[in-house]
Protein backbone atom coordinates (compact mmCIF):
# COMPACT_ATOMS: atom_id res chain seq x y z
CA UNK A 1 0.00 0.00 0.00
CA UNK A 2 1.54 3.33 -0.99
CA UNK A 3 2.36 5.72 1.84
CA UNK A 4 -0.30 8.24 0.81
CA UNK A 5 -3.05 5.58 0.68
CA UNK A 6 -2.06 4.27 4.10
CA UNK A 7 -2.16 7.75 5.66
CA UNK A 8 -5.56 8.37 4.08
CA UNK A 9 -6.88 5.05 5.40
CA UNK A 10 -5.55 5.80 8.89
CA UNK A 11 -7.25 9.19 8.84
CA UNK A 12 -10.55 7.57 7.75
CA UNK A 13 -10.12 4.92 10.46
CA UNK A 14 -10.20 7.65 13.08
CA UNK A 15 -13.89 8.11 12.27
CA UNK A 16 -14.93 4.91 10.45
CA UNK A 17 -14.64 1.44 12.03
CA UNK A 18 -14.75 -0.18 8.57
CA UNK A 19 -11.59 1.69 7.61
CA UNK A 20 -9.95 0.42 10.82
CA UNK A 21 -11.08 -3.07 9.77
CA UNK A 22 -9.09 -2.64 6.56
CA UNK A 23 -6.00 -1.72 8.62
CA UNK A 24 -6.62 -4.75 10.83
CA UNK A 25 -6.87 -7.05 7.79
CA UNK A 26 -3.69 -5.61 6.33
CA UNK A 27 -1.52 -5.72 9.44
CA UNK A 28 -2.89 -8.61 11.49
CA UNK A 29 -0.68 -11.31 9.88
CA UNK A 30 2.60 -9.46 10.41
CA UNK A 31 1.76 -8.33 13.95
CA UNK A 32 0.70 -11.87 14.87
CA UNK A 33 3.92 -13.32 13.36
CA UNK A 34 5.99 -10.80 15.29
CA UNK A 35 4.18 -11.52 18.56
CA UNK A 36 4.46 -15.27 18.01
CA UNK A 37 8.17 -15.07 17.18
CA UNK A 38 8.67 -13.28 20.46
CA UNK A 39 6.48 -15.33 22.81
CA UNK A 40 6.57 -18.72 21.03
CA UNK A 41 3.06 -19.58 22.19
CA UNK A 42 0.06 -19.50 19.85
CA UNK A 43 -2.55 -18.63 22.45
CA UNK A 44 -0.43 -15.89 24.00
CA UNK A 45 0.46 -14.48 20.56
CA UNK A 46 -3.26 -14.32 19.75
CA UNK A 47 -3.95 -12.54 23.04
CA UNK A 48 -1.14 -10.06 22.48
CA UNK A 49 -2.26 -9.39 18.90
CA UNK A 50 -5.83 -8.81 20.04
CA UNK A 51 -4.60 -6.43 22.72
CA UNK A 52 -2.49 -4.56 20.16
CA UNK A 53 -5.43 -3.94 17.84
CA UNK A 54 -7.73 -3.08 20.73
CA UNK A 55 -5.23 -0.47 21.97
CA UNK A 56 -4.69 0.80 18.43
CA UNK A 57 -8.44 1.21 17.90
CA UNK A 58 -8.85 2.92 21.27
CA UNK A 59 -5.95 5.31 20.63
CA UNK A 60 -6.06 5.83 16.87
CA UNK A 61 -7.36 9.37 17.22
CA UNK A 62 -4.07 10.23 18.96
CA UNK A 63 -1.95 8.70 16.20
CA UNK A 64 -0.19 11.25 14.03
CA UNK A 65 1.89 10.47 10.98
CA UNK A 66 5.58 11.12 11.70
CA UNK A 67 7.18 9.95 8.48
CA UNK A 68 7.07 6.29 9.49
CA UNK A 69 4.49 3.73 8.40
CA UNK A 70 1.48 2.93 10.56
CA UNK A 71 2.98 -0.54 11.11
CA UNK A 72 5.83 1.05 13.11
CA UNK A 73 3.26 2.28 15.61
CA UNK A 74 1.67 -1.20 15.75
CA UNK A 75 5.06 -2.84 16.31
CA UNK A 76 5.76 -0.46 19.18
CA UNK A 77 2.39 -1.28 20.76
CA UNK A 78 3.24 -4.98 20.32
CA UNK A 79 6.62 -4.60 22.02
CA UNK A 80 4.97 -2.78 24.91
CA UNK A 81 2.20 -5.40 25.22
CA UNK A 82 4.77 -8.21 25.30
CA UNK A 83 6.86 -6.35 27.88
CA UNK A 84 3.73 -5.77 29.98
CA UNK A 85 2.93 -9.47 29.83
CA UNK A 86 6.41 -10.48 30.99
CA UNK A 87 6.47 -7.84 33.69
CA UNK A 88 3.25 -9.35 35.01
CA UNK A 89 4.82 -12.77 35.04
CA UNK A 90 7.12 -13.28 37.98
CA UNK A 91 8.43 -16.68 36.92
CA UNK A 92 10.98 -17.68 34.34
CA UNK A 93 9.94 -17.33 30.74
CA UNK A 94 10.71 -20.21 28.42
CA UNK A 95 11.35 -19.16 24.86
CA UNK A 96 12.65 -21.77 22.50
CA UNK A 97 13.09 -22.39 18.83
CA UNK A 98 9.78 -23.45 17.32
CA UNK A 99 11.26 -25.32 14.37
CA UNK A 100 10.45 -28.95 13.79
CA UNK A 101 13.26 -31.42 13.25
CA UNK A 102 14.23 -31.87 9.60
CA UNK A 103 14.96 -35.29 8.14
CA UNK A 104 18.43 -36.37 9.12
CA UNK A 105 18.00 -34.37 12.32
CA UNK A 106 20.56 -34.55 15.12
CA UNK A 107 20.04 -37.10 17.82
CA UNK A 108 17.79 -36.35 20.75
CA UNK A 109 20.66 -35.37 23.07
CA UNK A 110 21.96 -32.81 20.57
CA UNK A 111 18.47 -31.41 20.09
CA UNK A 112 17.93 -31.10 23.85
CA UNK A 113 21.24 -29.23 24.19
CA UNK A 114 20.36 -26.94 21.25
CA UNK A 115 16.93 -26.14 22.68
CA UNK A 116 18.37 -25.52 26.13
CA UNK A 117 20.95 -23.13 24.68
CA UNK A 118 18.25 -21.36 22.70
CA UNK A 119 16.08 -21.04 25.80
CA UNK A 120 19.01 -19.68 27.79
CA UNK A 121 19.89 -17.14 25.09
CA UNK A 122 16.28 -15.93 24.83
CA UNK A 123 16.06 -15.74 28.61
CA UNK A 124 19.22 -13.63 28.63
CA UNK A 125 17.77 -11.44 25.87
CA UNK A 126 14.69 -10.95 28.04
CA UNK A 127 16.97 -9.46 30.72
CA UNK A 128 18.41 -6.81 28.38
CA UNK A 129 17.31 -3.19 28.66
CA UNK A 130 14.04 -2.56 26.80
CA UNK A 131 15.46 -0.98 23.63
CA UNK A 132 18.29 -3.50 23.29
CA UNK A 133 15.81 -6.34 23.76
CA UNK A 134 13.46 -4.91 21.14
CA UNK A 135 16.29 -4.49 18.63
CA UNK A 136 17.49 -8.07 19.22
CA UNK A 137 13.99 -9.50 18.83
CA UNK A 138 13.37 -7.59 15.61
CA UNK A 139 16.79 -8.54 14.19
CA UNK A 140 17.07 -12.16 15.24
CA UNK A 141 13.48 -13.14 16.00
CA UNK A 142 11.79 -11.30 13.13
CA UNK A 143 14.77 -11.22 10.73
CA UNK A 144 14.27 -7.51 10.06
CA UNK A 145 16.92 -5.38 8.35
CA UNK A 146 18.63 -2.58 10.29
CA UNK A 147 16.71 0.08 8.34
CA UNK A 148 13.37 -1.58 9.12
CA UNK A 149 14.26 -1.85 12.81
CA UNK A 150 15.23 1.82 12.84
CA UNK A 151 11.90 2.76 11.34
CA UNK A 152 9.91 0.57 13.73
CA UNK A 153 11.77 1.87 16.77
CA UNK A 154 11.89 5.48 15.62
CA UNK A 155 15.69 5.55 15.77
CA UNK A 156 18.51 6.05 13.29
CA UNK A 157 20.19 3.03 11.69
CA UNK A 158 23.36 3.93 13.61
CA UNK A 159 21.48 3.94 16.91
CA UNK A 160 20.04 0.49 16.12
CA UNK A 161 23.50 -0.86 15.26
CA UNK A 162 24.78 0.50 18.57
CA UNK A 163 21.87 -1.10 20.47
CA UNK A 164 22.58 -4.45 18.80
CA UNK A 165 26.32 -4.17 19.45
CA UNK A 166 25.77 -3.36 23.13
CA UNK A 167 23.23 -6.16 23.47
CA UNK A 168 25.58 -8.72 21.92
CA UNK A 169 28.48 -7.52 24.08
CA UNK A 170 26.33 -7.82 27.20
CA UNK A 171 25.20 -11.31 26.20
CA UNK A 172 28.84 -12.30 25.63
CA UNK A 173 29.66 -11.21 29.18
CA UNK A 174 26.65 -12.94 30.73
CA UNK A 175 26.52 -16.22 28.82
CA UNK A 176 29.06 -19.05 29.11
CA UNK A 177 31.86 -19.16 26.49
CA UNK A 178 30.24 -22.04 24.56
CA UNK A 179 27.49 -19.60 23.50
CA UNK A 180 30.01 -17.31 21.77
CA UNK A 181 29.53 -18.84 18.30
CA UNK A 182 25.82 -17.98 18.29
CA UNK A 183 26.45 -14.30 19.09
CA UNK A 184 28.37 -13.31 15.96
C-alpha atoms as a PDB file:
ATOM      1  CA  UNK A   1       0.000   0.000   0.000  1.00  0.00           C
ATOM      2  CA  UNK A   2       1.543   3.334  -0.990  1.00  0.00           C
ATOM      3  CA  UNK A   3       2.356   5.720   1.841  1.00  0.00           C
ATOM      4  CA  UNK A   4      -0.301   8.237   0.805  1.00  0.00           C
ATOM      5  CA  UNK A   5      -3.051   5.584   0.683  1.00  0.00           C
ATOM      6  CA  UNK A   6      -2.059   4.272   4.100  1.00  0.00           C
ATOM      7  CA  UNK A   7      -2.164   7.746   5.658  1.00  0.00           C
ATOM      8  CA  UNK A   8      -5.562   8.370   4.084  1.00  0.00           C
ATOM      9  CA  UNK A   9      -6.878   5.049   5.401  1.00  0.00           C
ATOM     10  CA  UNK A  10      -5.548   5.805   8.889  1.00  0.00           C
ATOM     11  CA  UNK A  11      -7.253   9.192   8.845  1.00  0.00           C
ATOM     12  CA  UNK A  12     -10.546   7.569   7.749  1.00  0.00           C
ATOM     13  CA  UNK A  13     -10.118   4.920  10.462  1.00  0.00           C
ATOM     14  CA  UNK A  14     -10.197   7.651  13.085  1.00  0.00           C
ATOM     15  CA  UNK A  15     -13.892   8.106  12.269  1.00  0.00           C
ATOM     16  CA  UNK A  16     -14.932   4.911  10.447  1.00  0.00           C
ATOM     17  CA  UNK A  17     -14.641   1.443  12.027  1.00  0.00           C
ATOM     18  CA  UNK A  18     -14.748  -0.176   8.568  1.00  0.00           C
ATOM     19  CA  UNK A  19     -11.591   1.686   7.613  1.00  0.00           C
ATOM     20  CA  UNK A  20      -9.954   0.415  10.818  1.00  0.00           C
ATOM     21  CA  UNK A  21     -11.083  -3.068   9.769  1.00  0.00           C
ATOM     22  CA  UNK A  22      -9.086  -2.641   6.558  1.00  0.00           C
ATOM     23  CA  UNK A  23      -5.999  -1.722   8.616  1.00  0.00           C
ATOM     24  CA  UNK A  24      -6.618  -4.747  10.827  1.00  0.00           C
ATOM     25  CA  UNK A  25      -6.872  -7.047   7.787  1.00  0.00           C
ATOM     26  CA  UNK A  26      -3.686  -5.614   6.328  1.00  0.00           C
ATOM     27  CA  UNK A  27      -1.518  -5.720   9.445  1.00  0.00           C
ATOM     28  CA  UNK A  28      -2.894  -8.615  11.493  1.00  0.00           C
ATOM     29  CA  UNK A  29      -0.678 -11.311   9.878  1.00  0.00           C
ATOM     30  CA  UNK A  30       2.600  -9.462  10.408  1.00  0.00           C
ATOM     31  CA  UNK A  31       1.760  -8.333  13.947  1.00  0.00           C
ATOM     32  CA  UNK A  32       0.698 -11.873  14.871  1.00  0.00           C
ATOM     33  CA  UNK A  33       3.915 -13.318  13.361  1.00  0.00           C
ATOM     34  CA  UNK A  34       5.992 -10.801  15.287  1.00  0.00           C
ATOM     35  CA  UNK A  35       4.178 -11.518  18.563  1.00  0.00           C
ATOM     36  CA  UNK A  36       4.456 -15.266  18.007  1.00  0.00           C
ATOM     37  CA  UNK A  37       8.166 -15.070  17.180  1.00  0.00           C
ATOM     38  CA  UNK A  38       8.671 -13.280  20.462  1.00  0.00           C
ATOM     39  CA  UNK A  39       6.484 -15.332  22.811  1.00  0.00           C
ATOM     40  CA  UNK A  40       6.575 -18.724  21.032  1.00  0.00           C
ATOM     41  CA  UNK A  41       3.057 -19.583  22.192  1.00  0.00           C
ATOM     42  CA  UNK A  42       0.060 -19.498  19.846  1.00  0.00           C
ATOM     43  CA  UNK A  43      -2.545 -18.632  22.451  1.00  0.00           C
ATOM     44  CA  UNK A  44      -0.426 -15.886  24.004  1.00  0.00           C
ATOM     45  CA  UNK A  45       0.456 -14.484  20.560  1.00  0.00           C
ATOM     46  CA  UNK A  46      -3.264 -14.317  19.748  1.00  0.00           C
ATOM     47  CA  UNK A  47      -3.952 -12.541  23.044  1.00  0.00           C
ATOM     48  CA  UNK A  48      -1.136 -10.057  22.478  1.00  0.00           C
ATOM     49  CA  UNK A  49      -2.258  -9.391  18.899  1.00  0.00           C
ATOM     50  CA  UNK A  50      -5.834  -8.810  20.044  1.00  0.00           C
ATOM     51  CA  UNK A  51      -4.599  -6.430  22.716  1.00  0.00           C
ATOM     52  CA  UNK A  52      -2.490  -4.558  20.155  1.00  0.00           C
ATOM     53  CA  UNK A  53      -5.428  -3.939  17.842  1.00  0.00           C
ATOM     54  CA  UNK A  54      -7.729  -3.076  20.735  1.00  0.00           C
ATOM     55  CA  UNK A  55      -5.229  -0.473  21.969  1.00  0.00           C
ATOM     56  CA  UNK A  56      -4.691   0.800  18.425  1.00  0.00           C
ATOM     57  CA  UNK A  57      -8.444   1.209  17.902  1.00  0.00           C
ATOM     58  CA  UNK A  58      -8.853   2.917  21.268  1.00  0.00           C
ATOM     59  CA  UNK A  59      -5.950   5.312  20.632  1.00  0.00           C
ATOM     60  CA  UNK A  60      -6.060   5.827  16.867  1.00  0.00           C
ATOM     61  CA  UNK A  61      -7.362   9.371  17.224  1.00  0.00           C
ATOM     62  CA  UNK A  62      -4.071  10.231  18.962  1.00  0.00           C
ATOM     63  CA  UNK A  63      -1.950   8.700  16.203  1.00  0.00           C
ATOM     64  CA  UNK A  64      -0.187  11.246  14.031  1.00  0.00           C
ATOM     65  CA  UNK A  65       1.893  10.473  10.976  1.00  0.00           C
ATOM     66  CA  UNK A  66       5.576  11.121  11.703  1.00  0.00           C
ATOM     67  CA  UNK A  67       7.182   9.951   8.481  1.00  0.00           C
ATOM     68  CA  UNK A  68       7.073   6.290   9.494  1.00  0.00           C
ATOM     69  CA  UNK A  69       4.493   3.732   8.398  1.00  0.00           C
ATOM     70  CA  UNK A  70       1.482   2.929  10.557  1.00  0.00           C
ATOM     71  CA  UNK A  71       2.984  -0.541  11.111  1.00  0.00           C
ATOM     72  CA  UNK A  72       5.832   1.046  13.106  1.00  0.00           C
ATOM     73  CA  UNK A  73       3.264   2.281  15.613  1.00  0.00           C
ATOM     74  CA  UNK A  74       1.673  -1.195  15.750  1.00  0.00           C
ATOM     75  CA  UNK A  75       5.060  -2.840  16.310  1.00  0.00           C
ATOM     76  CA  UNK A  76       5.761  -0.459  19.181  1.00  0.00           C
ATOM     77  CA  UNK A  77       2.385  -1.277  20.756  1.00  0.00           C
ATOM     78  CA  UNK A  78       3.242  -4.976  20.318  1.00  0.00           C
ATOM     79  CA  UNK A  79       6.618  -4.604  22.021  1.00  0.00           C
ATOM     80  CA  UNK A  80       4.970  -2.783  24.914  1.00  0.00           C
ATOM     81  CA  UNK A  81       2.197  -5.399  25.216  1.00  0.00           C
ATOM     82  CA  UNK A  82       4.767  -8.211  25.303  1.00  0.00           C
ATOM     83  CA  UNK A  83       6.856  -6.350  27.878  1.00  0.00           C
ATOM     84  CA  UNK A  84       3.732  -5.768  29.984  1.00  0.00           C
ATOM     85  CA  UNK A  85       2.930  -9.467  29.834  1.00  0.00           C
ATOM     86  CA  UNK A  86       6.415 -10.482  30.986  1.00  0.00           C
ATOM     87  CA  UNK A  87       6.467  -7.836  33.692  1.00  0.00           C
ATOM     88  CA  UNK A  88       3.247  -9.347  35.012  1.00  0.00           C
ATOM     89  CA  UNK A  89       4.822 -12.774  35.040  1.00  0.00           C
ATOM     90  CA  UNK A  90       7.122 -13.277  37.978  1.00  0.00           C
ATOM     91  CA  UNK A  91       8.431 -16.677  36.920  1.00  0.00           C
ATOM     92  CA  UNK A  92      10.978 -17.684  34.343  1.00  0.00           C
ATOM     93  CA  UNK A  93       9.940 -17.326  30.736  1.00  0.00           C
ATOM     94  CA  UNK A  94      10.705 -20.212  28.424  1.00  0.00           C
ATOM     95  CA  UNK A  95      11.350 -19.162  24.862  1.00  0.00           C
ATOM     96  CA  UNK A  96      12.653 -21.770  22.497  1.00  0.00           C
ATOM     97  CA  UNK A  97      13.089 -22.391  18.825  1.00  0.00           C
ATOM     98  CA  UNK A  98       9.781 -23.449  17.318  1.00  0.00           C
ATOM     99  CA  UNK A  99      11.260 -25.320  14.366  1.00  0.00           C
ATOM    100  CA  UNK A 100      10.448 -28.952  13.794  1.00  0.00           C
ATOM    101  CA  UNK A 101      13.257 -31.416  13.253  1.00  0.00           C
ATOM    102  CA  UNK A 102      14.233 -31.865   9.598  1.00  0.00           C
ATOM    103  CA  UNK A 103      14.960 -35.294   8.145  1.00  0.00           C
ATOM    104  CA  UNK A 104      18.431 -36.373   9.122  1.00  0.00           C
ATOM    105  CA  UNK A 105      17.999 -34.374  12.323  1.00  0.00           C
ATOM    106  CA  UNK A 106      20.561 -34.546  15.116  1.00  0.00           C
ATOM    107  CA  UNK A 107      20.041 -37.104  17.819  1.00  0.00           C
ATOM    108  CA  UNK A 108      17.785 -36.352  20.748  1.00  0.00           C
ATOM    109  CA  UNK A 109      20.655 -35.367  23.065  1.00  0.00           C
ATOM    110  CA  UNK A 110      21.957 -32.807  20.567  1.00  0.00           C
ATOM    111  CA  UNK A 111      18.466 -31.412  20.092  1.00  0.00           C
ATOM    112  CA  UNK A 112      17.935 -31.097  23.851  1.00  0.00           C
ATOM    113  CA  UNK A 113      21.238 -29.226  24.190  1.00  0.00           C
ATOM    114  CA  UNK A 114      20.362 -26.937  21.253  1.00  0.00           C
ATOM    115  CA  UNK A 115      16.934 -26.140  22.681  1.00  0.00           C
ATOM    116  CA  UNK A 116      18.374 -25.523  26.133  1.00  0.00           C
ATOM    117  CA  UNK A 117      20.950 -23.128  24.676  1.00  0.00           C
ATOM    118  CA  UNK A 118      18.247 -21.363  22.696  1.00  0.00           C
ATOM    119  CA  UNK A 119      16.079 -21.036  25.798  1.00  0.00           C
ATOM    120  CA  UNK A 120      19.013 -19.675  27.789  1.00  0.00           C
ATOM    121  CA  UNK A 121      19.893 -17.135  25.089  1.00  0.00           C
ATOM    122  CA  UNK A 122      16.276 -15.929  24.826  1.00  0.00           C
ATOM    123  CA  UNK A 123      16.057 -15.742  28.612  1.00  0.00           C
ATOM    124  CA  UNK A 124      19.223 -13.634  28.626  1.00  0.00           C
ATOM    125  CA  UNK A 125      17.767 -11.442  25.866  1.00  0.00           C
ATOM    126  CA  UNK A 126      14.685 -10.948  28.041  1.00  0.00           C
ATOM    127  CA  UNK A 127      16.966  -9.456  30.720  1.00  0.00           C
ATOM    128  CA  UNK A 128      18.413  -6.809  28.377  1.00  0.00           C
ATOM    129  CA  UNK A 129      17.307  -3.193  28.659  1.00  0.00           C
ATOM    130  CA  UNK A 130      14.043  -2.565  26.796  1.00  0.00           C
ATOM    131  CA  UNK A 131      15.457  -0.982  23.632  1.00  0.00           C
ATOM    132  CA  UNK A 132      18.294  -3.503  23.294  1.00  0.00           C
ATOM    133  CA  UNK A 133      15.814  -6.338  23.764  1.00  0.00           C
ATOM    134  CA  UNK A 134      13.456  -4.906  21.135  1.00  0.00           C
ATOM    135  CA  UNK A 135      16.287  -4.485  18.626  1.00  0.00           C
ATOM    136  CA  UNK A 136      17.487  -8.065  19.223  1.00  0.00           C
ATOM    137  CA  UNK A 137      13.987  -9.503  18.831  1.00  0.00           C
ATOM    138  CA  UNK A 138      13.373  -7.587  15.613  1.00  0.00           C
ATOM    139  CA  UNK A 139      16.787  -8.539  14.187  1.00  0.00           C
ATOM    140  CA  UNK A 140      17.066 -12.162  15.242  1.00  0.00           C
ATOM    141  CA  UNK A 141      13.476 -13.143  15.997  1.00  0.00           C
ATOM    142  CA  UNK A 142      11.792 -11.301  13.125  1.00  0.00           C
ATOM    143  CA  UNK A 143      14.774 -11.218  10.734  1.00  0.00           C
ATOM    144  CA  UNK A 144      14.272  -7.507  10.056  1.00  0.00           C
ATOM    145  CA  UNK A 145      16.919  -5.380   8.349  1.00  0.00           C
ATOM    146  CA  UNK A 146      18.633  -2.575  10.287  1.00  0.00           C
ATOM    147  CA  UNK A 147      16.708   0.084   8.342  1.00  0.00           C
ATOM    148  CA  UNK A 148      13.371  -1.584   9.123  1.00  0.00           C
ATOM    149  CA  UNK A 149      14.256  -1.847  12.806  1.00  0.00           C
ATOM    150  CA  UNK A 150      15.235   1.823  12.844  1.00  0.00           C
ATOM    151  CA  UNK A 151      11.896   2.758  11.337  1.00  0.00           C
ATOM    152  CA  UNK A 152       9.907   0.573  13.732  1.00  0.00           C
ATOM    153  CA  UNK A 153      11.770   1.865  16.769  1.00  0.00           C
ATOM    154  CA  UNK A 154      11.887   5.482  15.620  1.00  0.00           C
ATOM    155  CA  UNK A 155      15.690   5.555  15.774  1.00  0.00           C
ATOM    156  CA  UNK A 156      18.508   6.051  13.292  1.00  0.00           C
ATOM    157  CA  UNK A 157      20.195   3.034  11.694  1.00  0.00           C
ATOM    158  CA  UNK A 158      23.361   3.934  13.608  1.00  0.00           C
ATOM    159  CA  UNK A 159      21.479   3.938  16.908  1.00  0.00           C
ATOM    160  CA  UNK A 160      20.041   0.490  16.117  1.00  0.00           C
ATOM    161  CA  UNK A 161      23.503  -0.859  15.261  1.00  0.00           C
ATOM    162  CA  UNK A 162      24.781   0.499  18.570  1.00  0.00           C
ATOM    163  CA  UNK A 163      21.875  -1.097  20.473  1.00  0.00           C
ATOM    164  CA  UNK A 164      22.578  -4.450  18.805  1.00  0.00           C
ATOM    165  CA  UNK A 165      26.317  -4.173  19.452  1.00  0.00           C
ATOM    166  CA  UNK A 166      25.775  -3.355  23.130  1.00  0.00           C
ATOM    167  CA  UNK A 167      23.234  -6.160  23.471  1.00  0.00           C
ATOM    168  CA  UNK A 168      25.581  -8.716  21.917  1.00  0.00           C
ATOM    169  CA  UNK A 169      28.477  -7.522  24.084  1.00  0.00           C
ATOM    170  CA  UNK A 170      26.330  -7.816  27.197  1.00  0.00           C
ATOM    171  CA  UNK A 171      25.202 -11.314  26.203  1.00  0.00           C
ATOM    172  CA  UNK A 172      28.844 -12.303  25.631  1.00  0.00           C
ATOM    173  CA  UNK A 173      29.662 -11.210  29.178  1.00  0.00           C
ATOM    174  CA  UNK A 174      26.654 -12.943  30.729  1.00  0.00           C
ATOM    175  CA  UNK A 175      26.517 -16.225  28.824  1.00  0.00           C
ATOM    176  CA  UNK A 176      29.059 -19.051  29.108  1.00  0.00           C
ATOM    177  CA  UNK A 177      31.865 -19.164  26.485  1.00  0.00           C
ATOM    178  CA  UNK A 178      30.239 -22.039  24.557  1.00  0.00           C
ATOM    179  CA  UNK A 179      27.488 -19.602  23.497  1.00  0.00           C
ATOM    180  CA  UNK A 180      30.009 -17.310  21.774  1.00  0.00           C
ATOM    181  CA  UNK A 181      29.527 -18.837  18.298  1.00  0.00           C
ATOM    182  CA  UNK A 182      25.824 -17.984  18.289  1.00  0.00           C
ATOM    183  CA  UNK A 183      26.445 -14.304  19.087  1.00  0.00           C
ATOM    184  CA  UNK A 184      28.367 -13.309  15.965  1.00  0.00           C
END
